[in-house]
Structure formats: structure tokens, C-alpha cells
């Protein structure tokens, strides 16, 4: 077979699969946005109306007023940003120690750390709840944030360690000769050099904490402390079962998804670079 024809077939198959994969992701998202802009009469029409005419923008305002979503948003931002900053600081510090310091049992300890990734969350769910219950911290934000200050992300530690291993040791030695201490080397030299990894992990951490449903469901009882995702589930339960207002539900779902989409598109170049470099360094 002609080389040009073979290359054309490969390119066609590749782009076809990419287009198919993109459609699987984009079509539900577009349907969610479309439904959020429909009136009650247009929700169940057949054939479906993909572009509402006219779009009902007041769905967003009316849905927002049903429950205290402003409070839910503040709670979500507080939990997400606090946990994300804590994860970036603690995991980078631990990864720096594993990458740069030689101490007895380092490899064994690192292996044990990575082994915790194999534990299903259900294994630690009950012991964790009993611990926080004994400490009197149920129905507070502490179980959702304090753990981040103790480097609870072994996958993030592994990724950052791989980045630190790509940095020549000569840079540290030069800084030591100039009088820098270990913390100054970590803060002023190492962290700026692993910015792609920090941004990639920041995006993953933000998404994980923003969409965290299970932990708030277990630890939070008061509605004024609900994050957005738990408030959204509560909102779904308040809608009429006889005539569900899916336009309101989809409107709040769009607002829930916007920060994640915006953050990813803003940092996608560094996000992909961080994942690639961290995965290729052994």
C-alpha cells in the first residue's frame, strides 16, 4: 500500500477516534447547558430542542434563590482553597525530602507511602469517622481540611518527587556555597522550577476538593455548612417529583461545573506539561 495512503488512513482513524471521544464528553455538557436555558414547557418536547428559542436566562436567578447557594459557594471555596494550598505545601515539602535527602529506610518509607494508594477509601471511612467523632469535630470543616496539612496525597508526592529528580544537584550545591539554607533552596529555587507540577497538582486538587461529595455527606449535618455539591443534591430532593424542574437543576449544575472548566482551560498547558514530565522521569 502507498505510504501516503497509509498515513492518510492512520490520520483519519486517529482524528475519528478523537472526535468520537470528544463527542462523548461535549454532548452531555451541551445538553446540560441547553436544558438550563429552557422553559418548563420545552423540557420534554420531542424531538429535543438543542438550542432554546428564546433562552430563559432567569432560570439561573430563580434556581439560585431557592436555597442559600451563596452560603454554599462560600463554604465550597473555603474548603477547596484551604485544602488545595495545604496539599501543595505539604506534598511538595515531603517530595523534596524524598528526592534530595539520604536517610536510613528512605526507600522503604517511600514504598509504604505509595502502598497507601492501594487502600480503598471504604477501608478508612469508619475509623476516620470514629476518630473525628471522638475529637468532637463532626459537623465542622476540620475533617475536610486538616488532613491536607499532613500530606494526604501520595500520588501528588510521587509526581513532585519525579519533578525534583529532574533538577540537577549542582544548582543546590551552588546555592549552599552562596550561603542558602535548606528551606531557602526549597522555597526560592526548587518550587519555581517545578511550577508545571504545582499547577497540574493544583488543578487536580481543586477538582477533587470541589467535587468531594462523600466526605461532606458523612461529616456535615447543618445545611448552613453544606458545600455546593451537597447543596445541589439537597436541591434535587426539594424539586417536585411529579413535574421535576430539570431546567433549574441543570442551571445549578452548570454553575457547579464552570470553575473547574475555567481553571482547566486557564492552566491546561502547564497541566499537560506537568503530567507528561512527571510521568517520564524514573
C-alpha atoms as a PDB file:
ATOM      1  CA  UNK A   1       0.000   0.000   0.000  1.00  0.00           C
ATOM      2  CA  UNK A   2       1.178   3.516  -0.818  1.00  0.00           C
ATOM      3  CA  UNK A   3       2.847   5.288   2.115  1.00  0.00           C
ATOM      4  CA  UNK A   4       0.705   8.419   1.642  1.00  0.00           C
ATOM      5  CA  UNK A   5      -2.480   6.356   1.645  1.00  0.00           C
ATOM      6  CA  UNK A   6      -1.353   4.510   4.770  1.00  0.00           C
ATOM      7  CA  UNK A   7      -0.547   7.789   6.552  1.00  0.00           C
ATOM      8  CA  UNK A   8      -3.922   9.198   5.485  1.00  0.00           C
ATOM      9  CA  UNK A   9      -5.744   6.164   6.907  1.00  0.00           C
ATOM     10  CA  UNK A  10      -3.844   6.429  10.186  1.00  0.00           C
ATOM     11  CA  UNK A  11      -4.605  10.148  10.440  1.00  0.00           C
ATOM     12  CA  UNK A  12      -8.275   9.571   9.597  1.00  0.00           C
ATOM     13  CA  UNK A  13      -8.664   6.833  12.213  1.00  0.00           C
ATOM     14  CA  UNK A  14      -6.868   8.945  14.810  1.00  0.00           C
ATOM     15  CA  UNK A  15      -8.992  12.039  14.245  1.00  0.00           C
ATOM     16  CA  UNK A  16     -12.159   9.954  14.070  1.00  0.00           C
ATOM     17  CA  UNK A  17     -11.445   8.382  17.452  1.00  0.00           C
ATOM     18  CA  UNK A  18     -10.528  11.777  18.938  1.00  0.00           C
ATOM     19  CA  UNK A  19     -13.733  13.297  17.579  1.00  0.00           C
ATOM     20  CA  UNK A  20     -15.773  10.402  18.935  1.00  0.00           C
ATOM     21  CA  UNK A  21     -14.159  10.741  22.348  1.00  0.00           C
ATOM     22  CA  UNK A  22     -14.731  14.497  22.358  1.00  0.00           C
ATOM     23  CA  UNK A  23     -18.388  13.994  21.443  1.00  0.00           C
ATOM     24  CA  UNK A  24     -18.866  11.639  24.388  1.00  0.00           C
ATOM     25  CA  UNK A  25     -17.715  14.467  26.673  1.00  0.00           C
ATOM     26  CA  UNK A  26     -19.106  17.532  24.889  1.00  0.00           C
ATOM     27  CA  UNK A  27     -22.618  16.319  24.010  1.00  0.00           C
ATOM     28  CA  UNK A  28     -23.747  15.785  27.652  1.00  0.00           C
ATOM     29  CA  UNK A  29     -22.211  19.131  28.594  1.00  0.00           C
ATOM     30  CA  UNK A  30     -24.005  20.891  25.753  1.00  0.00           C
ATOM     31  CA  UNK A  31     -27.254  19.135  26.682  1.00  0.00           C
ATOM     32  CA  UNK A  32     -26.872  20.342  30.282  1.00  0.00           C
ATOM     33  CA  UNK A  33     -26.381  23.954  29.164  1.00  0.00           C
ATOM     34  CA  UNK A  34     -29.274  23.680  26.701  1.00  0.00           C
ATOM     35  CA  UNK A  35     -31.657  22.288  29.321  1.00  0.00           C
ATOM     36  CA  UNK A  36     -30.669  25.012  31.797  1.00  0.00           C
ATOM     37  CA  UNK A  37     -31.961  27.630  29.340  1.00  0.00           C
ATOM     38  CA  UNK A  38     -35.320  26.014  28.608  1.00  0.00           C
ATOM     39  CA  UNK A  39     -38.720  26.859  29.984  1.00  0.00           C
ATOM     40  CA  UNK A  40     -40.852  24.176  31.709  1.00  0.00           C
ATOM     41  CA  UNK A  41     -42.869  23.542  28.533  1.00  0.00           C
ATOM     42  CA  UNK A  42     -39.778  22.784  26.444  1.00  0.00           C
ATOM     43  CA  UNK A  43     -38.158  20.235  28.762  1.00  0.00           C
ATOM     44  CA  UNK A  44     -39.857  17.113  27.401  1.00  0.00           C
ATOM     45  CA  UNK A  45     -40.590  18.077  23.812  1.00  0.00           C
ATOM     46  CA  UNK A  46     -39.794  15.575  21.040  1.00  0.00           C
ATOM     47  CA  UNK A  47     -37.682  15.875  19.016  1.00  0.00           C
ATOM     48  CA  UNK A  48     -35.460  17.604  21.557  1.00  0.00           C
ATOM     49  CA  UNK A  49     -34.723  21.275  21.069  1.00  0.00           C
ATOM     50  CA  UNK A  50     -30.939  21.687  21.276  1.00  0.00           C
ATOM     51  CA  UNK A  51     -30.921  25.482  21.018  1.00  0.00           C
ATOM     52  CA  UNK A  52     -33.702  27.022  23.152  1.00  0.00           C
ATOM     53  CA  UNK A  53     -35.674  29.788  21.488  1.00  0.00           C
ATOM     54  CA  UNK A  54     -35.722  32.037  23.363  1.00  0.00           C
ATOM     55  CA  UNK A  55     -33.184  31.135  26.073  1.00  0.00           C
ATOM     56  CA  UNK A  56     -34.610  31.536  29.569  1.00  0.00           C
ATOM     57  CA  UNK A  57     -31.733  33.156  31.480  1.00  0.00           C
ATOM     58  CA  UNK A  58     -33.881  33.782  34.558  1.00  0.00           C
ATOM     59  CA  UNK A  59     -33.650  30.056  35.365  1.00  0.00           C
ATOM     60  CA  UNK A  60     -30.238  30.729  36.889  1.00  0.00           C
ATOM     61  CA  UNK A  61     -31.508  33.541  39.098  1.00  0.00           C
ATOM     62  CA  UNK A  62     -34.633  31.702  40.228  1.00  0.00           C
ATOM     63  CA  UNK A  63     -32.757  28.473  40.959  1.00  0.00           C
ATOM     64  CA  UNK A  64     -30.091  30.374  42.919  1.00  0.00           C
ATOM     65  CA  UNK A  65     -32.781  31.837  45.191  1.00  0.00           C
ATOM     66  CA  UNK A  66     -34.411  28.512  46.096  1.00  0.00           C
ATOM     67  CA  UNK A  67     -31.674  27.623  48.613  1.00  0.00           C
ATOM     68  CA  UNK A  68     -28.818  29.661  50.182  1.00  0.00           C
ATOM     69  CA  UNK A  69     -26.436  28.848  47.344  1.00  0.00           C
ATOM     70  CA  UNK A  70     -24.361  31.927  48.157  1.00  0.00           C
ATOM     71  CA  UNK A  71     -23.526  30.366  51.510  1.00  0.00           C
ATOM     72  CA  UNK A  72     -22.904  27.005  49.850  1.00  0.00           C
ATOM     73  CA  UNK A  73     -20.481  28.664  47.424  1.00  0.00           C
ATOM     74  CA  UNK A  74     -18.565  30.367  50.238  1.00  0.00           C
ATOM     75  CA  UNK A  75     -18.273  27.056  52.123  1.00  0.00           C
ATOM     76  CA  UNK A  76     -17.032  25.305  48.989  1.00  0.00           C
ATOM     77  CA  UNK A  77     -14.406  27.962  48.254  1.00  0.00           C
ATOM     78  CA  UNK A  78     -13.191  27.907  51.853  1.00  0.00           C
ATOM     79  CA  UNK A  79     -12.828  24.115  51.949  1.00  0.00           C
ATOM     80  CA  UNK A  80     -11.371  23.812  48.448  1.00  0.00           C
ATOM     81  CA  UNK A  81      -8.806  26.609  48.589  1.00  0.00           C
ATOM     82  CA  UNK A  82      -7.631  25.779  52.113  1.00  0.00           C
ATOM     83  CA  UNK A  83      -7.202  22.081  51.282  1.00  0.00           C
ATOM     84  CA  UNK A  84      -5.549  22.826  47.926  1.00  0.00           C
ATOM     85  CA  UNK A  85      -2.973  25.226  49.407  1.00  0.00           C
ATOM     86  CA  UNK A  86      -2.248  22.770  52.214  1.00  0.00           C
ATOM     87  CA  UNK A  87      -1.774  19.882  49.779  1.00  0.00           C
ATOM     88  CA  UNK A  88       0.589  21.879  47.572  1.00  0.00           C
ATOM     89  CA  UNK A  89       2.741  22.978  50.509  1.00  0.00           C
ATOM     90  CA  UNK A  90       2.926  19.702  52.403  1.00  0.00           C
ATOM     91  CA  UNK A  91       3.229  17.313  49.466  1.00  0.00           C
ATOM     92  CA  UNK A  92       5.952  19.425  47.851  1.00  0.00           C
ATOM     93  CA  UNK A  93       7.877  19.525  51.130  1.00  0.00           C
ATOM     94  CA  UNK A  94       7.634  15.763  51.624  1.00  0.00           C
ATOM     95  CA  UNK A  95       8.528  15.111  47.983  1.00  0.00           C
ATOM     96  CA  UNK A  96      11.561  17.389  48.312  1.00  0.00           C
ATOM     97  CA  UNK A  97      12.728  15.347  51.294  1.00  0.00           C
ATOM     98  CA  UNK A  98      12.351  12.041  49.458  1.00  0.00           C
ATOM     99  CA  UNK A  99      14.099  13.376  46.348  1.00  0.00           C
ATOM    100  CA  UNK A 100      17.044  15.181  47.933  1.00  0.00           C
ATOM    101  CA  UNK A 101      17.842  13.681  51.337  1.00  0.00           C
ATOM    102  CA  UNK A 102      19.555  10.382  52.018  1.00  0.00           C
ATOM    103  CA  UNK A 103      18.435   8.704  55.236  1.00  0.00           C
ATOM    104  CA  UNK A 104      18.079   5.183  56.530  1.00  0.00           C
ATOM    105  CA  UNK A 105      14.891   3.492  55.407  1.00  0.00           C
ATOM    106  CA  UNK A 106      14.048   6.171  52.844  1.00  0.00           C
ATOM    107  CA  UNK A 107      13.118   3.741  50.072  1.00  0.00           C
ATOM    108  CA  UNK A 108      11.102   1.517  52.419  1.00  0.00           C
ATOM    109  CA  UNK A 109       9.200   4.507  53.768  1.00  0.00           C
ATOM    110  CA  UNK A 110       8.519   5.771  50.255  1.00  0.00           C
ATOM    111  CA  UNK A 111       7.273   2.321  49.230  1.00  0.00           C
ATOM    112  CA  UNK A 112       4.911   2.229  52.228  1.00  0.00           C
ATOM    113  CA  UNK A 113       3.677   5.693  51.317  1.00  0.00           C
ATOM    114  CA  UNK A 114       2.886   4.634  47.749  1.00  0.00           C
ATOM    115  CA  UNK A 115       1.260   1.433  49.019  1.00  0.00           C
ATOM    116  CA  UNK A 116      -1.421   3.509  50.742  1.00  0.00           C
ATOM    117  CA  UNK A 117      -2.702   4.379  47.267  1.00  0.00           C
ATOM    118  CA  UNK A 118      -3.909   0.782  47.002  1.00  0.00           C
ATOM    119  CA  UNK A 119      -6.225   1.120  50.006  1.00  0.00           C
ATOM    120  CA  UNK A 120      -9.883   1.699  49.044  1.00  0.00           C
ATOM    121  CA  UNK A 121     -11.464   4.685  50.709  1.00  0.00           C
ATOM    122  CA  UNK A 122     -14.118   2.495  52.359  1.00  0.00           C
ATOM    123  CA  UNK A 123     -11.396   0.806  54.431  1.00  0.00           C
ATOM    124  CA  UNK A 124     -10.560   4.016  56.302  1.00  0.00           C
ATOM    125  CA  UNK A 125     -14.023   5.583  56.234  1.00  0.00           C
ATOM    126  CA  UNK A 126     -15.351   4.170  59.510  1.00  0.00           C
ATOM    127  CA  UNK A 127     -12.095   4.518  61.521  1.00  0.00           C
ATOM    128  CA  UNK A 128     -11.740   8.106  60.317  1.00  0.00           C
ATOM    129  CA  UNK A 129     -15.311   8.951  61.279  1.00  0.00           C
ATOM    130  CA  UNK A 130     -14.884   7.393  64.732  1.00  0.00           C
ATOM    131  CA  UNK A 131     -11.671   9.371  65.251  1.00  0.00           C
ATOM    132  CA  UNK A 132     -13.218  12.714  64.312  1.00  0.00           C
ATOM    133  CA  UNK A 133     -16.315  11.856  66.337  1.00  0.00           C
ATOM    134  CA  UNK A 134     -14.211  11.201  69.448  1.00  0.00           C
ATOM    135  CA  UNK A 135     -12.489  14.543  68.887  1.00  0.00           C
ATOM    136  CA  UNK A 136     -15.882  16.257  68.666  1.00  0.00           C
ATOM    137  CA  UNK A 137     -15.251  17.556  65.140  1.00  0.00           C
ATOM    138  CA  UNK A 138     -18.312  16.135  63.365  1.00  0.00           C
ATOM    139  CA  UNK A 139     -20.353  18.877  61.669  1.00  0.00           C
ATOM    140  CA  UNK A 140     -17.252  21.036  61.276  1.00  0.00           C
ATOM    141  CA  UNK A 141     -14.920  21.716  58.357  1.00  0.00           C
ATOM    142  CA  UNK A 142     -11.924  20.207  60.182  1.00  0.00           C
ATOM    143  CA  UNK A 143     -12.275  16.639  58.811  1.00  0.00           C
ATOM    144  CA  UNK A 144     -12.366  18.097  55.295  1.00  0.00           C
ATOM    145  CA  UNK A 145      -9.283  20.310  55.607  1.00  0.00           C
ATOM    146  CA  UNK A 146      -6.939  19.338  58.444  1.00  0.00           C
ATOM    147  CA  UNK A 147      -5.808  16.114  56.766  1.00  0.00           C
ATOM    148  CA  UNK A 148      -4.407  18.144  53.859  1.00  0.00           C
ATOM    149  CA  UNK A 149      -1.833  19.668  56.221  1.00  0.00           C
ATOM    150  CA  UNK A 150      -0.353  16.207  56.771  1.00  0.00           C
ATOM    151  CA  UNK A 151       0.421  15.408  53.110  1.00  0.00           C
ATOM    152  CA  UNK A 152      -2.541  13.107  52.498  1.00  0.00           C
ATOM    153  CA  UNK A 153      -1.880  12.816  48.738  1.00  0.00           C
ATOM    154  CA  UNK A 154       0.677  10.048  47.991  1.00  0.00           C
ATOM    155  CA  UNK A 155       0.058  10.399  44.235  1.00  0.00           C
ATOM    156  CA  UNK A 156       0.927  14.107  44.424  1.00  0.00           C
ATOM    157  CA  UNK A 157       4.072  13.324  46.423  1.00  0.00           C
ATOM    158  CA  UNK A 158       5.155  10.811  43.797  1.00  0.00           C
ATOM    159  CA  UNK A 159       4.590  13.277  40.945  1.00  0.00           C
ATOM    160  CA  UNK A 160       6.505  16.083  42.655  1.00  0.00           C
ATOM    161  CA  UNK A 161       9.340  13.757  43.600  1.00  0.00           C
ATOM    162  CA  UNK A 162       9.739  12.858  39.930  1.00  0.00           C
ATOM    163  CA  UNK A 163       9.999  16.556  39.110  1.00  0.00           C
ATOM    164  CA  UNK A 164      12.570  17.205  41.811  1.00  0.00           C
ATOM    165  CA  UNK A 165      14.690  14.362  40.416  1.00  0.00           C
ATOM    166  CA  UNK A 166      14.933  16.193  37.078  1.00  0.00           C
ATOM    167  CA  UNK A 167      16.650  19.199  38.692  1.00  0.00           C
ATOM    168  CA  UNK A 168      20.484  18.982  38.678  1.00  0.00           C
ATOM    169  CA  UNK A 169      22.046  18.825  42.131  1.00  0.00           C
ATOM    170  CA  UNK A 170      24.629  21.381  41.014  1.00  0.00           C
ATOM    171  CA  UNK A 171      22.013  24.089  41.495  1.00  0.00           C
ATOM    172  CA  UNK A 172      21.613  23.165  45.160  1.00  0.00           C
ATOM    173  CA  UNK A 173      25.361  22.963  45.665  1.00  0.00           C
ATOM    174  CA  UNK A 174      25.816  26.410  44.166  1.00  0.00           C
ATOM    175  CA  UNK A 175      23.112  27.789  46.470  1.00  0.00           C
ATOM    176  CA  UNK A 176      24.747  26.169  49.501  1.00  0.00           C
ATOM    177  CA  UNK A 177      28.078  27.759  48.581  1.00  0.00           C
ATOM    178  CA  UNK A 178      26.310  31.129  48.393  1.00  0.00           C
ATOM    179  CA  UNK A 179      25.039  30.628  51.955  1.00  0.00           C
ATOM    180  CA  UNK A 180      21.472  29.466  51.360  1.00  0.00           C
ATOM    181  CA  UNK A 181      19.942  27.071  53.869  1.00  0.00           C
ATOM    182  CA  UNK A 182      17.816  24.045  53.019  1.00  0.00           C
ATOM    183  CA  UNK A 183      14.484  25.863  53.339  1.00  0.00           C
ATOM    184  CA  UNK A 184      15.685  28.738  51.140  1.00  0.00           C
ATOM    185  CA  UNK A 185      16.766  26.243  48.488  1.00  0.00           C
ATOM    186  CA  UNK A 186      13.360  24.556  48.651  1.00  0.00           C
ATOM    187  CA  UNK A 187      11.350  27.787  48.614  1.00  0.00           C
ATOM    188  CA  UNK A 188      13.325  30.066  46.297  1.00  0.00           C
ATOM    189  CA  UNK A 189      14.935  27.583  43.889  1.00  0.00           C
ATOM    190  CA  UNK A 190      13.047  24.298  43.816  1.00  0.00           C
ATOM    191  CA  UNK A 191       9.431  25.455  43.899  1.00  0.00           C
ATOM    192  CA  UNK A 192       9.790  27.930  40.993  1.00  0.00           C
ATOM    193  CA  UNK A 193      11.454  25.200  38.919  1.00  0.00           C
ATOM    194  CA  UNK A 194       8.590  22.746  39.420  1.00  0.00           C
ATOM    195  CA  UNK A 195       5.835  25.259  38.623  1.00  0.00           C
ATOM    196  CA  UNK A 196       4.279  22.974  35.948  1.00  0.00           C
ATOM    197  CA  UNK A 197       3.911  20.227  38.556  1.00  0.00           C
ATOM    198  CA  UNK A 198       2.474  22.638  41.109  1.00  0.00           C
ATOM    199  CA  UNK A 199      -0.098  23.905  38.616  1.00  0.00           C
ATOM    200  CA  UNK A 200      -1.031  20.392  37.477  1.00  0.00           C
ATOM    201  CA  UNK A 201      -1.467  19.185  41.050  1.00  0.00           C
ATOM    202  CA  UNK A 202      -3.275  22.400  41.942  1.00  0.00           C
ATOM    203  CA  UNK A 203      -5.856  21.713  39.214  1.00  0.00           C
ATOM    204  CA  UNK A 204      -6.297  18.092  40.340  1.00  0.00           C
ATOM    205  CA  UNK A 205      -6.539  19.103  43.993  1.00  0.00           C
ATOM    206  CA  UNK A 206      -9.039  21.874  43.274  1.00  0.00           C
ATOM    207  CA  UNK A 207     -11.197  19.498  41.255  1.00  0.00           C
ATOM    208  CA  UNK A 208     -11.023  16.758  43.875  1.00  0.00           C
ATOM    209  CA  UNK A 209     -11.984  19.038  46.759  1.00  0.00           C
ATOM    210  CA  UNK A 210     -14.566  20.995  44.764  1.00  0.00           C
ATOM    211  CA  UNK A 211     -16.359  17.797  43.713  1.00  0.00           C
ATOM    212  CA  UNK A 212     -15.882  15.964  47.014  1.00  0.00           C
ATOM    213  CA  UNK A 213     -19.333  14.632  47.878  1.00  0.00           C
ATOM    214  CA  UNK A 214     -18.743  11.697  50.203  1.00  0.00           C
ATOM    215  CA  UNK A 215     -16.809  13.435  52.984  1.00  0.00           C
ATOM    216  CA  UNK A 216     -19.226  16.385  53.420  1.00  0.00           C
ATOM    217  CA  UNK A 217     -22.138  13.922  53.331  1.00  0.00           C
ATOM    218  CA  UNK A 218     -20.568  11.961  56.201  1.00  0.00           C
ATOM    219  CA  UNK A 219     -19.300  14.781  58.412  1.00  0.00           C
ATOM    220  CA  UNK A 220     -21.664  17.726  57.850  1.00  0.00           C
ATOM    221  CA  UNK A 221     -25.163  17.835  59.302  1.00  0.00           C
ATOM    222  CA  UNK A 222     -26.095  21.530  59.271  1.00  0.00           C
ATOM    223  CA  UNK A 223     -27.360  22.931  55.980  1.00  0.00           C
ATOM    224  CA  UNK A 224     -25.573  26.258  56.517  1.00  0.00           C
ATOM    225  CA  UNK A 225     -22.274  24.335  56.339  1.00  0.00           C
ATOM    226  CA  UNK A 226     -23.068  22.433  53.138  1.00  0.00           C
ATOM    227  CA  UNK A 227     -20.736  22.887  50.139  1.00  0.00           C
ATOM    228  CA  UNK A 228     -22.188  23.401  46.676  1.00  0.00           C
ATOM    229  CA  UNK A 229     -22.192  19.735  45.693  1.00  0.00           C
ATOM    230  CA  UNK A 230     -24.110  18.693  48.804  1.00  0.00           C
ATOM    231  CA  UNK A 231     -26.451  21.656  48.426  1.00  0.00           C
ATOM    232  CA  UNK A 232     -27.059  20.579  44.837  1.00  0.00           C
ATOM    233  CA  UNK A 233     -28.094  17.116  45.968  1.00  0.00           C
ATOM    234  CA  UNK A 234     -30.352  18.619  48.632  1.00  0.00           C
ATOM    235  CA  UNK A 235     -31.784  20.924  45.971  1.00  0.00           C
ATOM    236  CA  UNK A 236     -32.592  17.905  43.786  1.00  0.00           C
ATOM    237  CA  UNK A 237     -34.551  16.349  46.650  1.00  0.00           C
ATOM    238  CA  UNK A 238     -36.636  19.512  47.081  1.00  0.00           C
ATOM    239  CA  UNK A 239     -37.831  19.542  43.470  1.00  0.00           C
ATOM    240  CA  UNK A 240     -41.264  18.221  42.626  1.00  0.00           C
ATOM    241  CA  UNK A 241     -41.246  14.532  41.707  1.00  0.00           C
ATOM    242  CA  UNK A 242     -44.426  14.867  39.659  1.00  0.00           C
ATOM    243  CA  UNK A 243     -43.057  17.659  37.455  1.00  0.00           C
ATOM    244  CA  UNK A 244     -39.302  17.869  38.064  1.00  0.00           C
ATOM    245  CA  UNK A 245     -37.813  21.231  37.116  1.00  0.00           C
ATOM    246  CA  UNK A 246     -34.750  19.901  35.370  1.00  0.00           C
ATOM    247  CA  UNK A 247     -34.026  23.354  33.956  1.00  0.00           C
ATOM    248  CA  UNK A 248     -33.317  24.614  37.481  1.00  0.00           C
ATOM    249  CA  UNK A 249     -31.244  21.525  38.276  1.00  0.00           C
ATOM    250  CA  UNK A 250     -29.203  21.893  35.107  1.00  0.00           C
ATOM    251  CA  UNK A 251     -28.708  25.612  35.733  1.00  0.00           C
ATOM    252  CA  UNK A 252     -27.118  24.909  39.105  1.00  0.00           C
ATOM    253  CA  UNK A 253     -25.094  22.051  37.609  1.00  0.00           C
ATOM    254  CA  UNK A 254     -23.665  24.444  35.011  1.00  0.00           C
ATOM    255  CA  UNK A 255     -22.658  26.888  37.743  1.00  0.00           C
ATOM    256  CA  UNK A 256     -21.083  23.989  39.637  1.00  0.00           C
ATOM    257  CA  UNK A 257     -19.020  22.946  36.618  1.00  0.00           C
ATOM    258  CA  UNK A 258     -17.882  26.414  35.476  1.00  0.00           C
ATOM    259  CA  UNK A 259     -14.994  26.906  37.961  1.00  0.00           C
ATOM    260  CA  UNK A 260     -13.490  23.517  37.090  1.00  0.00           C
ATOM    261  CA  UNK A 261     -13.736  24.154  33.351  1.00  0.00           C
ATOM    262  CA  UNK A 262     -12.349  27.685  33.681  1.00  0.00           C
ATOM    263  CA  UNK A 263      -9.415  26.551  35.810  1.00  0.00           C
ATOM    264  CA  UNK A 264      -8.543  23.711  33.444  1.00  0.00           C
ATOM    265  CA  UNK A 265      -8.616  25.863  30.318  1.00  0.00           C
ATOM    266  CA  UNK A 266      -6.578  28.581  32.043  1.00  0.00           C
ATOM    267  CA  UNK A 267      -3.856  26.159  33.131  1.00  0.00           C
ATOM    268  CA  UNK A 268      -4.145  23.381  30.541  1.00  0.00           C
ATOM    269  CA  UNK A 269      -0.694  23.969  29.026  1.00  0.00           C
ATOM    270  CA  UNK A 270       1.044  23.622  32.386  1.00  0.00           C
ATOM    271  CA  UNK A 271      -1.330  20.849  33.419  1.00  0.00           C
ATOM    272  CA  UNK A 272      -0.419  18.647  30.442  1.00  0.00           C
ATOM    273  CA  UNK A 273       3.280  19.536  30.763  1.00  0.00           C
ATOM    274  CA  UNK A 274       3.225  18.626  34.432  1.00  0.00           C
ATOM    275  CA  UNK A 275       1.642  15.253  33.809  1.00  0.00           C
ATOM    276  CA  UNK A 276       3.978  14.417  30.928  1.00  0.00           C
ATOM    277  CA  UNK A 277       7.257  15.353  32.605  1.00  0.00           C
ATOM    278  CA  UNK A 278       6.293  13.764  35.896  1.00  0.00           C
ATOM    279  CA  UNK A 279       5.397  10.523  34.171  1.00  0.00           C
ATOM    280  CA  UNK A 280       8.527  10.184  32.063  1.00  0.00           C
ATOM    281  CA  UNK A 281      11.174  10.697  34.716  1.00  0.00           C
ATOM    282  CA  UNK A 282      12.059   7.495  36.560  1.00  0.00           C
END
